[in-house]
């Protein structure tokens, strides 16, 4: 009889590190930290400090995860509001922690074979995408900065997915993180209110000094904004819609009392109506249709109530946008179509969200078939960092969306791997719902399924899924939570 594999929540024995290896590691870290300190460069010092902290916490991966959650969702986005230009500096240290937890997860997967036995297919697809990006980037290597900066943007917190899939985390840890994410959702209201009341008037006073500056864009909660640049208001809305889906799914499946949702919903929904978030008008119907799709035949009255709520919120969000931006419906539609579908470029770029895709297609041909299939390597199309492909098209904005970045940098193969991961995640959630008898598990997997189409749509909307740390924390932790649920369900079934 084969020995029983440690379950999803049973801490397995960790490999020990020999005294000699530990001494060598401590010595190297001390030298590195000393060299970093004498540079007086904040990014270098921050990275070195994160390496030191990350190394110290390798034996406590749960603490590492907590640091990434707290710093990524409550610190990284708000620091740049007061420290202009500090966005990159605030992110680098957190990224080091993200790579540290990724290393811990990979080490455990390589040394504890049993922990990968119930790994769902979408996690292997994510690993395949990771390896493909690395190998493809090395095969198109142009310069170290381009490769390393691109790799960092793609995978700075991808370790959350692999950690939740492979590390021996117990249910208490997962429950605490669920509560923490709810706290983060509630926290968006006071921050958004502060940004609306205090920061928007300040931006209005100098908006004409910065062409293209929209004062209301700074209303982004804790998801990131700078006083003289744009803000992540759409990402805040994305996160709040995710929180809304989890609450409604728990309410529908009996895991949440009605009186609780009555006081939670207004707090979570209020920030959606404080900023410039046109995308809410698209995301809300998509989310509600996906969440209540099975109720159309089984329980049509439940579906009707859910869709009515979704329609009401969508209309309210659209009306609020028109009031905030002081536009009428015709002007809003004409303007939106002009820089999303027609010829007008987005912002200061020559291309918009649709034309950036057709432009990529128009540049492909028999002169470079490998470029269409495999792309040109990670970091090559990034406009802000001056990738070697982006330099060929100055001012075009070929990195406007995540879809265009993937096409230019990873080719059709990279895009296919990304969507395969989402499809497999959908199938994993369906399988869990069919196998489990626990209502809260059914609810959470249904909510995750409702988020997956939004992720698929979002890569055609903005580039943030491949570069903005706060929303990456949300997405990778969501996928990691699905992997943990799959492992838990398989363990209980065995």
Foldseek 3Di string as FASTA:
>chain_A
DDDDFDALADADDDDDDDPVVVVVVVVVLVVLQVVQVVVVDLLSNLQSVLLVVLVVCLVPLLVLLVVLQCLLLFNLAPVQAVVPPCNVSSLNSSLSSLVSLLVSLVVQVVPVVSLCPLFFPLVVLVVVLLVLQLVLQVVLPDDPVLAVQLNSLARSNLSLQSNLQRGNHHPVSVVVVVVVLLVSLLQLQVQLVCLLVPQLVVLVVCVVVQPPDDSQQCSCRRQHDYSRDGHVNQLSVLSLVLVVLLVVLCVVLVNDDPVVCVVSVCSNLVSLLRGQHLCLLVLLQLLLCLLCVVCVPVPVVSSVVSNVVSVVSSVSSVVSNCVVVVHDPVVVVVVVCCQAPNQPDDRQARHHLVVLVVVLVVPDDPVCPVCQAAANHGSQCDCVVPHVVVVVPPRHPQLFFLVSNCRRHGHPVSVVSVVVSLVSLLVLLVVLLVQDPDSSSVSLSSSLNSSSVVVVVRRSPGHNCSGRSSSVSVVSNSSSVSSSSSSNSVSVVD
